[in-house]
Amino acid sequence: MIESLATRDRRALTVGVVTIGALILGFRGVPAWLRWRMDVRASAAEAIAQERRVHAVVAGFSQSLDSLGARAGRFRSMGPAFLTGATPAEAAATLAALVGEIARSSLVRIDALELHVDSATAGYDMPRVRLDAQATADVAGLAALVRNLEKGPTLLAVRRLSVRPQSVESPANQVEALAIQFNLEGLVLLSQQKAQR
C-alpha cells in the first residue's frame, strides 16, 4: 500500500508519523523521564542521609558505651541509697524495719506503722514504697528522728510531718510529749531474683 503512494505523499506521511512520535515523546515521555530522574535523585539523597546517620551512630557507639558504663557505675555506687528486696512488699518490710531501728536510736516510740506499695509504679523496676507512721517523742527525740531519717545512707523522702502536743495541760517541770505523724517514701531497687522469675 505504501508503494502505491507518491514520493511526496510518503514524505508527508513520514513527517506526520515523526511529528506525532515527537509530540508523544515530548508531552508524555519527557515529563515521565524528568519525574523518574527527580525521584531517583531524591531517593539517592535520602540514602546518603541515612548512611550519614548510620555512620554517626556507629561512630558514637564507643562513646555511648563509655557513657553507659559510667552511668552504670554511678548507679551501682548509689545502691545503698535504695531500699532492696525481691518484691516491693519485701522492700516495704525493710523500710519498716529501718524506721523502727532509727526510731529506737532516736528514743521515739512508734505507735503505729502502715505500709503502702505504690500500685502505679509496682510494675516498674524501681517502684515506690510508702510508710505512714504515728509516734510519740519529745522535742529532742523528734529532732533526732528527722536528722537520722535524712542522713541516710538510704534516701527517704519525708512527704508529710505533723506534730502536735499529746497533752495540752502538762506540768511546767515535765518534758512535753509530742504526737507525731509522718509519711515516708523510698525507691526500691528490686534484686535479681525478680528478673529471673
C-alpha atoms as a PDB file:
ATOM      1  CA  MET A   1       0.000   0.000   0.000  1.00  0.00           C
ATOM      2  CA  ILE A   2       2.820   2.423   0.808  1.00  0.00           C
ATOM      3  CA  GLU A   3       4.461   1.517  -2.516  1.00  0.00           C
ATOM      4  CA  SER A   4       1.389   2.823  -4.335  1.00  0.00           C
ATOM      5  CA  LEU A   5       1.758   6.273  -2.746  1.00  0.00           C
ATOM      6  CA  ALA A   6       3.627   9.008  -4.466  1.00  0.00           C
ATOM      7  CA  THR A   7       7.005  10.054  -3.157  1.00  0.00           C
ATOM      8  CA  ARG A   8       5.595  13.334  -1.969  1.00  0.00           C
ATOM      9  CA  ASP A   9       2.821  11.561  -0.027  1.00  0.00           C
ATOM     10  CA  ARG A  10       5.359   9.193   1.516  1.00  0.00           C
ATOM     11  CA  ARG A  11       7.417  12.126   2.733  1.00  0.00           C
ATOM     12  CA  ALA A  12       4.321  13.804   4.175  1.00  0.00           C
ATOM     13  CA  LEU A  13       3.318  10.535   5.901  1.00  0.00           C
ATOM     14  CA  THR A  14       6.841  10.067   7.295  1.00  0.00           C
ATOM     15  CA  VAL A  15       6.966  13.677   8.541  1.00  0.00           C
ATOM     16  CA  GLY A  16       3.498  13.218  10.122  1.00  0.00           C
ATOM     17  CA  VAL A  17       4.492   9.969  11.889  1.00  0.00           C
ATOM     18  CA  VAL A  18       7.751  11.540  13.124  1.00  0.00           C
ATOM     19  CA  THR A  19       5.862  14.639  14.306  1.00  0.00           C
ATOM     20  CA  ILE A  20       3.244  12.574  16.165  1.00  0.00           C
ATOM     21  CA  GLY A  21       6.019  10.448  17.707  1.00  0.00           C
ATOM     22  CA  ALA A  22       7.916  13.590  18.741  1.00  0.00           C
ATOM     23  CA  LEU A  23       4.777  15.090  20.272  1.00  0.00           C
ATOM     24  CA  ILE A  24       4.014  11.890  22.217  1.00  0.00           C
ATOM     25  CA  LEU A  25       7.622  11.694  23.362  1.00  0.00           C
ATOM     26  CA  GLY A  26       7.668  15.413  24.227  1.00  0.00           C
ATOM     27  CA  PHE A  27       4.386  15.511  26.130  1.00  0.00           C
ATOM     28  CA  ARG A  28       4.445  12.044  27.717  1.00  0.00           C
ATOM     29  CA  GLY A  29       7.945  10.634  27.697  1.00  0.00           C
ATOM     30  CA  VAL A  30       9.993  13.677  28.729  1.00  0.00           C
ATOM     31  CA  PRO A  31       7.848  14.578  31.795  1.00  0.00           C
ATOM     32  CA  ALA A  32       7.851  10.923  32.897  1.00  0.00           C
ATOM     33  CA  TRP A  33      11.614  10.782  32.482  1.00  0.00           C
ATOM     34  CA  LEU A  34      12.036  14.054  34.433  1.00  0.00           C
ATOM     35  CA  ARG A  35       9.820  12.726  37.275  1.00  0.00           C
ATOM     36  CA  TRP A  36      11.805   9.483  37.348  1.00  0.00           C
ATOM     37  CA  ARG A  37      15.053  11.444  37.429  1.00  0.00           C
ATOM     38  CA  MET A  38      13.829  13.625  40.338  1.00  0.00           C
ATOM     39  CA  ASP A  39      12.619  10.532  42.243  1.00  0.00           C
ATOM     40  CA  VAL A  40      15.973   8.826  41.751  1.00  0.00           C
ATOM     41  CA  ARG A  41      17.823  11.923  42.955  1.00  0.00           C
ATOM     42  CA  ALA A  42      15.534  12.259  45.998  1.00  0.00           C
ATOM     43  CA  SER A  43      15.918   8.601  46.925  1.00  0.00           C
ATOM     44  CA  ALA A  44      19.683   8.890  46.442  1.00  0.00           C
ATOM     45  CA  ALA A  45      19.759  11.937  48.736  1.00  0.00           C
ATOM     46  CA  GLU A  46      17.667  10.008  51.296  1.00  0.00           C
ATOM     47  CA  ALA A  47      20.005   7.024  51.091  1.00  0.00           C
ATOM     48  CA  ILE A  48      23.039   9.274  51.544  1.00  0.00           C
ATOM     49  CA  ALA A  49      21.428  10.989  54.562  1.00  0.00           C
ATOM     50  CA  GLN A  50      20.525   7.601  56.065  1.00  0.00           C
ATOM     51  CA  GLU A  51      24.086   6.394  55.519  1.00  0.00           C
ATOM     52  CA  ARG A  52      25.429   9.514  57.259  1.00  0.00           C
ATOM     53  CA  ARG A  53      23.069   8.960  60.223  1.00  0.00           C
ATOM     54  CA  VAL A  54      24.146   5.325  60.483  1.00  0.00           C
ATOM     55  CA  HIS A  55      27.786   6.357  60.268  1.00  0.00           C
ATOM     56  CA  ALA A  56      27.259   8.955  63.042  1.00  0.00           C
ATOM     57  CA  VAL A  57      25.539   6.370  65.262  1.00  0.00           C
ATOM     58  CA  VAL A  58      28.292   3.833  64.674  1.00  0.00           C
ATOM     59  CA  ALA A  59      30.962   6.474  65.280  1.00  0.00           C
ATOM     60  CA  GLY A  60      29.305   7.490  68.577  1.00  0.00           C
ATOM     61  CA  PHE A  61      28.742   3.908  69.732  1.00  0.00           C
ATOM     62  CA  SER A  62      32.008   3.654  71.664  1.00  0.00           C
ATOM     63  CA  GLN A  63      31.284   6.953  73.421  1.00  0.00           C
ATOM     64  CA  SER A  64      27.789   5.696  74.264  1.00  0.00           C
ATOM     65  CA  LEU A  65      29.266   2.534  75.748  1.00  0.00           C
ATOM     66  CA  ASP A  66      31.677   4.614  77.829  1.00  0.00           C
ATOM     67  CA  SER A  67      28.797   6.828  78.962  1.00  0.00           C
ATOM     68  CA  LEU A  68      26.649   3.783  79.733  1.00  0.00           C
ATOM     69  CA  GLY A  69      29.492   2.260  81.741  1.00  0.00           C
ATOM     70  CA  ALA A  70      29.917   5.476  83.720  1.00  0.00           C
ATOM     71  CA  ARG A  71      26.172   5.688  84.410  1.00  0.00           C
ATOM     72  CA  ALA A  72      26.025   2.060  85.469  1.00  0.00           C
ATOM     73  CA  GLY A  73      28.963   2.674  87.807  1.00  0.00           C
ATOM     74  CA  ARG A  74      27.271   5.708  89.345  1.00  0.00           C
ATOM     75  CA  PHE A  75      24.041   3.743  89.700  1.00  0.00           C
ATOM     76  CA  ARG A  76      25.858   0.845  91.414  1.00  0.00           C
ATOM     77  CA  SER A  77      27.546   3.291  93.774  1.00  0.00           C
ATOM     78  CA  MET A  78      24.076   4.560  94.732  1.00  0.00           C
ATOM     79  CA  GLY A  79      22.932   1.023  95.592  1.00  0.00           C
ATOM     80  CA  PRO A  80      22.824   1.603  99.368  1.00  0.00           C
ATOM     81  CA  ALA A  81      20.624   4.652  98.799  1.00  0.00           C
ATOM     82  CA  PHE A  82      17.730   2.449  97.675  1.00  0.00           C
ATOM     83  CA  LEU A  83      15.575   0.007  99.545  1.00  0.00           C
ATOM     84  CA  THR A  84      16.192  -3.522  98.321  1.00  0.00           C
ATOM     85  CA  GLY A  85      14.079  -6.620  98.076  1.00  0.00           C
ATOM     86  CA  ALA A  86      12.875  -9.301  95.717  1.00  0.00           C
ATOM     87  CA  THR A  87       9.395  -7.730  95.737  1.00  0.00           C
ATOM     88  CA  PRO A  88       8.058  -4.276  96.623  1.00  0.00           C
ATOM     89  CA  ALA A  89       6.333  -5.794  99.673  1.00  0.00           C
ATOM     90  CA  GLU A  90       9.661  -7.161 100.908  1.00  0.00           C
ATOM     91  CA  ALA A  91      11.238  -3.736 100.425  1.00  0.00           C
ATOM     92  CA  ALA A  92       8.346  -2.163 102.359  1.00  0.00           C
ATOM     93  CA  ALA A  93       9.108  -4.535 105.233  1.00  0.00           C
ATOM     94  CA  THR A  94      12.751  -3.437 105.022  1.00  0.00           C
ATOM     95  CA  LEU A  95      11.578   0.185 105.222  1.00  0.00           C
ATOM     96  CA  ALA A  96       9.508  -0.617 108.326  1.00  0.00           C
ATOM     97  CA  ALA A  97      12.500  -2.299 109.980  1.00  0.00           C
ATOM     98  CA  LEU A  98      14.744   0.638 109.063  1.00  0.00           C
ATOM     99  CA  VAL A  99      12.295   3.176 110.508  1.00  0.00           C
ATOM    100  CA  GLY A 100      11.900   1.059 113.641  1.00  0.00           C
ATOM    101  CA  GLU A 101      15.672   0.970 114.145  1.00  0.00           C
ATOM    102  CA  ILE A 102      16.002   4.725 113.560  1.00  0.00           C
ATOM    103  CA  ALA A 103      13.128   5.378 115.998  1.00  0.00           C
ATOM    104  CA  ARG A 104      14.770   3.208 118.681  1.00  0.00           C
ATOM    105  CA  SER A 105      18.090   5.002 118.300  1.00  0.00           C
ATOM    106  CA  SER A 106      16.292   8.384 118.434  1.00  0.00           C
ATOM    107  CA  LEU A 107      14.301   7.452 121.574  1.00  0.00           C
ATOM    108  CA  VAL A 108      10.989   7.697 119.708  1.00  0.00           C
ATOM    109  CA  ARG A 109       8.148   5.275 120.419  1.00  0.00           C
ATOM    110  CA  ILE A 110       6.391   4.062 117.264  1.00  0.00           C
ATOM    111  CA  ASP A 111       2.665   3.669 117.946  1.00  0.00           C
ATOM    112  CA  ALA A 112       1.516   2.502 114.503  1.00  0.00           C
ATOM    113  CA  LEU A 113       3.009   1.723 111.090  1.00  0.00           C
ATOM    114  CA  GLU A 114       1.153   1.288 107.833  1.00  0.00           C
ATOM    115  CA  LEU A 115       2.955   0.195 104.663  1.00  0.00           C
ATOM    116  CA  HIS A 116       1.856   1.016 101.109  1.00  0.00           C
ATOM    117  CA  VAL A 117       3.235  -0.133  97.782  1.00  0.00           C
ATOM    118  CA  ASP A 118       2.547   2.373  95.007  1.00  0.00           C
ATOM    119  CA  SER A 119       0.443   0.359  92.564  1.00  0.00           C
ATOM    120  CA  ALA A 120       1.150   2.840  89.760  1.00  0.00           C
ATOM    121  CA  THR A 121       4.863   2.006  89.914  1.00  0.00           C
ATOM    122  CA  ALA A 122       4.632  -1.629  91.060  1.00  0.00           C
ATOM    123  CA  GLY A 123       5.289  -2.966  87.547  1.00  0.00           C
ATOM    124  CA  TYR A 124       8.480  -0.937  87.093  1.00  0.00           C
ATOM    125  CA  ASP A 125      12.000  -1.940  88.069  1.00  0.00           C
ATOM    126  CA  MET A 126      12.139   0.817  90.708  1.00  0.00           C
ATOM    127  CA  PRO A 127       8.733   1.024  92.393  1.00  0.00           C
ATOM    128  CA  ARG A 128       7.980   3.330  95.324  1.00  0.00           C
ATOM    129  CA  VAL A 129       7.002   2.206  98.796  1.00  0.00           C
ATOM    130  CA  ARG A 130       5.408   4.445 101.380  1.00  0.00           C
ATOM    131  CA  LEU A 131       5.151   4.223 105.140  1.00  0.00           C
ATOM    132  CA  ASP A 132       2.626   6.076 107.307  1.00  0.00           C
ATOM    133  CA  ALA A 133       3.631   6.193 110.964  1.00  0.00           C
ATOM    134  CA  GLN A 134       2.355   7.529 114.256  1.00  0.00           C
ATOM    135  CA  ALA A 135       4.855   8.025 117.046  1.00  0.00           C
ATOM    136  CA  THR A 136       5.369   9.663 120.415  1.00  0.00           C
ATOM    137  CA  ALA A 137       8.503  11.573 121.414  1.00  0.00           C
ATOM    138  CA  ASP A 138       9.809  14.731 122.992  1.00  0.00           C
ATOM    139  CA  VAL A 139      11.358  17.588 121.007  1.00  0.00           C
ATOM    140  CA  ALA A 140      14.863  16.104 121.202  1.00  0.00           C
ATOM    141  CA  GLY A 141      13.575  12.715 120.013  1.00  0.00           C
ATOM    142  CA  LEU A 142      11.728  14.355 117.113  1.00  0.00           C
ATOM    143  CA  ALA A 143      14.864  16.257 116.076  1.00  0.00           C
ATOM    144  CA  ALA A 144      16.972  13.088 116.292  1.00  0.00           C
ATOM    145  CA  LEU A 145      14.376  11.132 114.269  1.00  0.00           C
ATOM    146  CA  VAL A 146      14.277  13.695 111.460  1.00  0.00           C
ATOM    147  CA  ARG A 147      18.095  14.006 111.440  1.00  0.00           C
ATOM    148  CA  ASN A 148      18.597  10.228 111.305  1.00  0.00           C
ATOM    149  CA  LEU A 149      15.988   9.819 108.553  1.00  0.00           C
ATOM    150  CA  GLU A 150      17.727  12.486 106.473  1.00  0.00           C
ATOM    151  CA  LYS A 151      21.341  11.414 106.913  1.00  0.00           C
ATOM    152  CA  GLY A 152      20.847   8.040 105.244  1.00  0.00           C
ATOM    153  CA  PRO A 153      22.535   6.013 103.772  1.00  0.00           C
ATOM    154  CA  THR A 154      19.066   5.108 102.454  1.00  0.00           C
ATOM    155  CA  LEU A 155      17.389   8.004 100.643  1.00  0.00           C
ATOM    156  CA  LEU A 156      13.962   8.592 102.120  1.00  0.00           C
ATOM    157  CA  ALA A 157      11.581  11.427 101.326  1.00  0.00           C
ATOM    158  CA  VAL A 158       9.517  12.765 104.221  1.00  0.00           C
ATOM    159  CA  ARG A 159       6.299  13.646 102.389  1.00  0.00           C
ATOM    160  CA  ARG A 160       4.329  14.819 105.427  1.00  0.00           C
ATOM    161  CA  LEU A 161       5.197  15.589 109.032  1.00  0.00           C
ATOM    162  CA  SER A 162       2.573  16.563 111.576  1.00  0.00           C
ATOM    163  CA  VAL A 163       3.454  17.387 115.189  1.00  0.00           C
ATOM    164  CA  ARG A 164       1.060  18.302 117.984  1.00  0.00           C
ATOM    165  CA  PRO A 165       1.242  18.194 121.765  1.00  0.00           C
ATOM    166  CA  GLN A 166      -0.025  14.974 123.257  1.00  0.00           C
ATOM    167  CA  SER A 167      -1.497  16.756 126.241  1.00  0.00           C
ATOM    168  CA  VAL A 168      -2.397  20.424 126.404  1.00  0.00           C
ATOM    169  CA  GLU A 169      -2.151  20.566 130.181  1.00  0.00           C
ATOM    170  CA  SER A 170       1.243  19.202 131.138  1.00  0.00           C
ATOM    171  CA  PRO A 171       3.191  20.346 134.204  1.00  0.00           C
ATOM    172  CA  ALA A 172       5.792  23.029 133.586  1.00  0.00           C
ATOM    173  CA  ASN A 173       8.617  20.902 135.016  1.00  0.00           C
ATOM    174  CA  GLN A 174       7.852  17.882 132.772  1.00  0.00           C
ATOM    175  CA  VAL A 175       9.145  17.346 129.231  1.00  0.00           C
ATOM    176  CA  GLU A 176       6.287  17.774 126.795  1.00  0.00           C
ATOM    177  CA  ALA A 177       5.309  14.645 124.870  1.00  0.00           C
ATOM    178  CA  LEU A 178       4.525  15.157 121.194  1.00  0.00           C
ATOM    179  CA  ALA A 179       2.228  13.130 118.953  1.00  0.00           C
ATOM    180  CA  ILE A 180       3.978  12.756 115.594  1.00  0.00           C
ATOM    181  CA  GLN A 181       2.528  11.595 112.297  1.00  0.00           C
ATOM    182  CA  PHE A 182       4.750  11.278 109.258  1.00  0.00           C
ATOM    183  CA  ASN A 183       4.800   9.761 105.783  1.00  0.00           C
ATOM    184  CA  LEU A 184       7.998   8.427 104.252  1.00  0.00           C
ATOM    185  CA  GLU A 185       8.637   7.330 100.714  1.00  0.00           C
ATOM    186  CA  GLY A 186      11.556   5.417  99.255  1.00  0.00           C
ATOM    187  CA  LEU A 187      12.581   3.912  95.929  1.00  0.00           C
ATOM    188  CA  VAL A 188      13.042   0.163  95.667  1.00  0.00           C
ATOM    189  CA  LEU A 189      15.877  -1.459  93.758  1.00  0.00           C
ATOM    190  CA  LEU A 190      14.487  -4.909  93.045  1.00  0.00           C
ATOM    191  CA  SER A 191      17.013  -7.698  93.407  1.00  0.00           C
ATOM    192  CA  GLN A 192      17.983 -10.021  90.543  1.00  0.00           C
ATOM    193  CA  GLN A 193      15.684 -12.760  91.846  1.00  0.00           C
ATOM    194  CA  LYS A 194      12.690 -10.929  90.334  1.00  0.00           C
ATOM    195  CA  ALA A 195      14.357 -10.714  86.924  1.00  0.00           C
ATOM    196  CA  GLN A 196      14.939 -14.475  86.941  1.00  0.00           C
ATOM    197  CA  ARG A 197      11.268 -15.303  87.657  1.00  0.00           C
END
